[in-house]
Amino acid sequence: MIRPIQNAGCFVECLKRGSTKYLTSDGKVWNRTWKQDAKGRTYHCRSTCVFAADGKTFTYNWDFSEDGTSWKPWIKGLATRTGCSRT
């Protein structure tokens, strides 16, 4: 199920301000990888955001893995930029 999130513009800006070392983009598609600690374990994480032609809406998919090889879906959605300026 795709669910919209509010204030997606700030979500995108926060994503951009995160670890950009592992962020790749062709302008329309952003791919990001990182590691995240939770409950004493380290997980491999990856996300893909695909922007619509209007630059205001995008779909996103996040996955996680315990070993960096076998991936499981984590978050999926559709968002609309609502409040932050584009930088």
N, C-alpha and C. Protein backbone atom coordinates (compact mmCIF):
# COMPACT_ATOMS: atom_id res chain seq x y z
N MET A 1 0.83 -1.17 0.00
CA MET A 1 0.00 0.00 0.00
C MET A 1 0.88 1.24 0.00
N ILE A 2 0.55 2.19 -0.83
CA ILE A 2 1.29 3.45 -0.88
C ILE A 2 0.53 4.47 -0.05
N ARG A 3 1.22 5.08 0.90
CA ARG A 3 0.60 6.07 1.79
C ARG A 3 1.32 7.40 1.65
N PRO A 4 0.57 8.50 1.54
CA PRO A 4 1.23 9.80 1.49
C PRO A 4 1.76 10.20 2.86
N ILE A 5 2.82 10.97 2.88
CA ILE A 5 3.31 11.52 4.14
C ILE A 5 3.21 13.03 4.07
N GLN A 6 3.00 13.67 5.19
CA GLN A 6 2.91 15.12 5.22
C GLN A 6 4.30 15.74 5.29
N ASN A 7 4.40 16.94 4.78
CA ASN A 7 5.64 17.71 4.79
C ASN A 7 6.80 16.95 4.15
N ALA A 8 6.53 16.36 3.02
CA ALA A 8 7.54 15.57 2.32
C ALA A 8 8.73 16.42 1.90
N GLY A 9 8.51 17.71 1.68
CA GLY A 9 9.63 18.57 1.31
C GLY A 9 10.72 18.53 2.36
N CYS A 10 10.33 18.62 3.62
CA CYS A 10 11.32 18.56 4.70
C CYS A 10 11.93 17.18 4.78
N PHE A 11 11.14 16.15 4.50
CA PHE A 11 11.67 14.79 4.46
C PHE A 11 12.79 14.69 3.44
N VAL A 12 12.55 15.25 2.26
CA VAL A 12 13.56 15.21 1.21
C VAL A 12 14.78 16.02 1.61
N GLU A 13 14.57 17.20 2.18
CA GLU A 13 15.70 18.02 2.59
C GLU A 13 16.52 17.31 3.65
N CYS A 14 15.87 16.64 4.59
CA CYS A 14 16.60 15.89 5.62
C CYS A 14 17.38 14.75 4.99
N LEU A 15 16.76 14.08 4.02
CA LEU A 15 17.45 13.00 3.32
C LEU A 15 18.70 13.53 2.62
N LYS A 16 18.57 14.69 1.98
CA LYS A 16 19.71 15.27 1.29
C LYS A 16 20.80 15.68 2.25
N ARG A 17 20.42 16.13 3.45
CA ARG A 17 21.41 16.59 4.42
C ARG A 17 22.03 15.46 5.22
N GLY A 18 21.51 14.26 5.06
CA GLY A 18 22.07 13.09 5.74
C GLY A 18 23.41 12.74 5.13
N SER A 19 23.81 11.53 5.26
CA SER A 19 25.09 11.07 4.73
C SER A 19 25.04 11.03 3.22
N THR A 20 25.47 12.11 2.57
CA THR A 20 25.45 12.16 1.11
C THR A 20 26.58 11.35 0.50
N LYS A 21 27.49 10.85 1.33
CA LYS A 21 28.58 10.02 0.82
C LYS A 21 28.01 8.81 0.07
N TYR A 22 26.86 8.33 0.51
CA TYR A 22 26.28 7.14 -0.09
C TYR A 22 24.99 7.45 -0.86
N LEU A 23 24.84 8.71 -1.29
CA LEU A 23 23.69 9.13 -2.05
C LEU A 23 24.10 9.31 -3.51
N THR A 24 23.39 8.63 -4.41
CA THR A 24 23.63 8.81 -5.84
C THR A 24 22.33 9.31 -6.46
N SER A 25 22.46 10.09 -7.52
CA SER A 25 21.28 10.65 -8.14
C SER A 25 21.56 10.95 -9.61
N ASP A 26 20.52 10.74 -10.43
CA ASP A 26 20.59 11.18 -11.81
C ASP A 26 19.67 12.38 -12.02
N GLY A 27 19.22 12.98 -10.92
CA GLY A 27 18.31 14.12 -10.97
C GLY A 27 16.87 13.71 -10.72
N LYS A 28 16.45 12.56 -11.22
CA LYS A 28 15.09 12.08 -11.03
C LYS A 28 15.03 10.96 -10.00
N VAL A 29 16.07 10.16 -9.92
CA VAL A 29 16.10 9.02 -9.01
C VAL A 29 17.24 9.20 -8.02
N TRP A 30 16.91 9.08 -6.73
CA TRP A 30 17.93 9.12 -5.68
C TRP A 30 18.05 7.73 -5.08
N ASN A 31 19.27 7.26 -4.95
CA ASN A 31 19.55 5.99 -4.28
C ASN A 31 20.49 6.27 -3.13
N ARG A 32 20.18 5.71 -1.97
CA ARG A 32 21.00 5.96 -0.78
C ARG A 32 21.17 4.66 -0.02
N THR A 33 22.36 4.44 0.52
CA THR A 33 22.62 3.29 1.38
C THR A 33 23.23 3.77 2.69
N TRP A 34 22.96 3.06 3.77
CA TRP A 34 23.51 3.40 5.08
C TRP A 34 23.37 2.20 6.00
N LYS A 35 23.97 2.30 7.15
CA LYS A 35 23.82 1.30 8.20
C LYS A 35 23.13 1.94 9.38
N GLN A 36 22.31 1.17 10.05
CA GLN A 36 21.55 1.69 11.17
C GLN A 36 21.55 0.68 12.31
N ASP A 37 21.79 1.16 13.51
CA ASP A 37 21.78 0.31 14.70
C ASP A 37 20.40 0.33 15.33
N ALA A 38 19.91 -0.86 15.70
CA ALA A 38 18.63 -0.97 16.39
C ALA A 38 18.64 -2.23 17.25
N LYS A 39 18.28 -2.06 18.51
CA LYS A 39 18.19 -3.18 19.44
C LYS A 39 19.46 -4.02 19.47
N GLY A 40 20.61 -3.33 19.47
CA GLY A 40 21.89 -4.02 19.58
C GLY A 40 22.39 -4.68 18.31
N ARG A 41 21.74 -4.45 17.20
CA ARG A 41 22.16 -5.04 15.92
C ARG A 41 22.39 -3.93 14.91
N THR A 42 23.22 -4.20 13.92
CA THR A 42 23.47 -3.26 12.83
C THR A 42 22.79 -3.79 11.58
N TYR A 43 22.00 -2.95 10.94
CA TYR A 43 21.28 -3.33 9.73
C TYR A 43 21.80 -2.53 8.55
N HIS A 44 21.84 -3.15 7.40
CA HIS A 44 22.13 -2.48 6.13
C HIS A 44 20.79 -1.93 5.64
N CYS A 45 20.80 -0.69 5.16
CA CYS A 45 19.58 -0.06 4.69
C CYS A 45 19.83 0.55 3.31
N ARG A 46 18.77 0.63 2.53
CA ARG A 46 18.86 1.29 1.22
C ARG A 46 17.51 1.91 0.90
N SER A 47 17.55 2.99 0.15
CA SER A 47 16.32 3.66 -0.25
C SER A 47 16.43 4.12 -1.69
N THR A 48 15.28 4.19 -2.34
CA THR A 48 15.17 4.73 -3.68
C THR A 48 14.00 5.69 -3.70
N CYS A 49 14.23 6.92 -4.16
CA CYS A 49 13.17 7.91 -4.33
C CYS A 49 13.13 8.27 -5.82
N VAL A 50 11.94 8.19 -6.40
CA VAL A 50 11.76 8.52 -7.82
C VAL A 50 10.83 9.72 -7.90
N PHE A 51 11.35 10.83 -8.44
CA PHE A 51 10.60 12.07 -8.52
C PHE A 51 9.79 12.15 -9.81
N ALA A 52 8.58 12.70 -9.69
CA ALA A 52 7.74 12.95 -10.86
C ALA A 52 8.29 14.15 -11.62
N ALA A 53 7.81 14.35 -12.82
CA ALA A 53 8.29 15.45 -13.66
C ALA A 53 8.05 16.81 -13.02
N ASP A 54 7.02 16.94 -12.18
CA ASP A 54 6.74 18.24 -11.55
C ASP A 54 7.72 18.57 -10.42
N GLY A 55 8.54 17.61 -9.99
CA GLY A 55 9.52 17.83 -8.94
C GLY A 55 8.91 17.98 -7.55
N LYS A 56 7.60 17.82 -7.44
CA LYS A 56 6.92 18.00 -6.16
C LYS A 56 6.45 16.68 -5.54
N THR A 57 6.30 15.67 -6.33
CA THR A 57 5.85 14.38 -5.80
C THR A 57 6.90 13.32 -6.10
N PHE A 58 6.95 12.31 -5.26
CA PHE A 58 7.87 11.21 -5.48
C PHE A 58 7.37 9.95 -4.80
N THR A 59 7.81 8.82 -5.31
CA THR A 59 7.57 7.54 -4.64
C THR A 59 8.87 7.15 -3.97
N TYR A 60 8.75 6.40 -2.88
CA TYR A 60 9.95 5.97 -2.18
C TYR A 60 9.80 4.52 -1.72
N ASN A 61 10.92 3.83 -1.71
CA ASN A 61 10.99 2.45 -1.22
C ASN A 61 12.24 2.33 -0.37
N TRP A 62 12.09 1.81 0.83
CA TRP A 62 13.23 1.55 1.71
C TRP A 62 13.25 0.07 2.01
N ASP A 63 14.44 -0.50 2.04
CA ASP A 63 14.63 -1.91 2.37
C ASP A 63 15.69 -2.03 3.45
N PHE A 64 15.69 -3.17 4.15
CA PHE A 64 16.74 -3.43 5.13
C PHE A 64 17.23 -4.86 4.99
N SER A 65 18.43 -5.10 5.51
CA SER A 65 19.05 -6.42 5.43
C SER A 65 19.91 -6.63 6.66
N GLU A 66 19.91 -7.84 7.16
CA GLU A 66 20.78 -8.17 8.29
C GLU A 66 22.19 -8.52 7.82
N ASP A 67 22.31 -9.00 6.57
CA ASP A 67 23.61 -9.44 6.07
C ASP A 67 24.11 -8.66 4.87
N GLY A 68 23.33 -7.71 4.36
CA GLY A 68 23.73 -6.92 3.20
C GLY A 68 23.48 -7.62 1.88
N THR A 69 22.86 -8.81 1.94
CA THR A 69 22.60 -9.59 0.73
C THR A 69 21.11 -9.86 0.54
N SER A 70 20.46 -10.34 1.57
CA SER A 70 19.03 -10.65 1.52
C SER A 70 18.24 -9.45 2.03
N TRP A 71 17.44 -8.84 1.15
CA TRP A 71 16.75 -7.60 1.48
C TRP A 71 15.27 -7.84 1.75
N LYS A 72 14.72 -7.06 2.70
CA LYS A 72 13.31 -7.12 3.05
C LYS A 72 12.72 -5.72 2.95
N PRO A 73 11.47 -5.60 2.48
CA PRO A 73 10.86 -4.27 2.41
C PRO A 73 10.67 -3.67 3.79
N TRP A 74 10.84 -2.34 3.88
CA TRP A 74 10.73 -1.65 5.15
C TRP A 74 9.64 -0.58 5.07
N ILE A 75 9.79 0.35 4.12
CA ILE A 75 8.84 1.46 3.97
C ILE A 75 8.59 1.67 2.48
N LYS A 76 7.34 1.96 2.13
CA LYS A 76 7.00 2.26 0.74
C LYS A 76 5.94 3.36 0.77
N GLY A 77 6.05 4.33 -0.12
CA GLY A 77 5.05 5.38 -0.09
C GLY A 77 5.09 6.35 -1.25
N LEU A 78 4.18 7.29 -1.19
CA LEU A 78 4.06 8.37 -2.15
C LEU A 78 4.00 9.65 -1.35
N ALA A 79 4.78 10.64 -1.73
CA ALA A 79 4.84 11.88 -0.96
C ALA A 79 4.73 13.08 -1.87
N THR A 80 4.32 14.20 -1.28
CA THR A 80 4.20 15.47 -1.97
C THR A 80 4.93 16.54 -1.18
N ARG A 81 5.80 17.28 -1.85
CA ARG A 81 6.54 18.38 -1.21
C ARG A 81 5.52 19.45 -0.81
N THR A 82 5.59 19.88 0.46
CA THR A 82 4.59 20.83 0.93
C THR A 82 5.13 22.10 1.56
N GLY A 83 6.37 22.10 2.09
CA GLY A 83 6.72 23.29 2.83
C GLY A 83 8.14 23.79 2.74
N CYS A 84 9.09 22.99 2.42
CA CYS A 84 10.48 23.44 2.40
C CYS A 84 10.86 23.89 1.00
N SER A 85 11.72 24.86 0.93
CA SER A 85 12.18 25.31 -0.37
C SER A 85 13.17 24.30 -0.93
N ARG A 86 13.23 24.22 -2.21
CA ARG A 86 14.14 23.30 -2.89
C ARG A 86 15.52 23.93 -2.93
N THR A 87 16.54 23.15 -2.55
CA THR A 87 17.91 23.69 -2.57
C THR A 87 18.74 22.94 -3.57
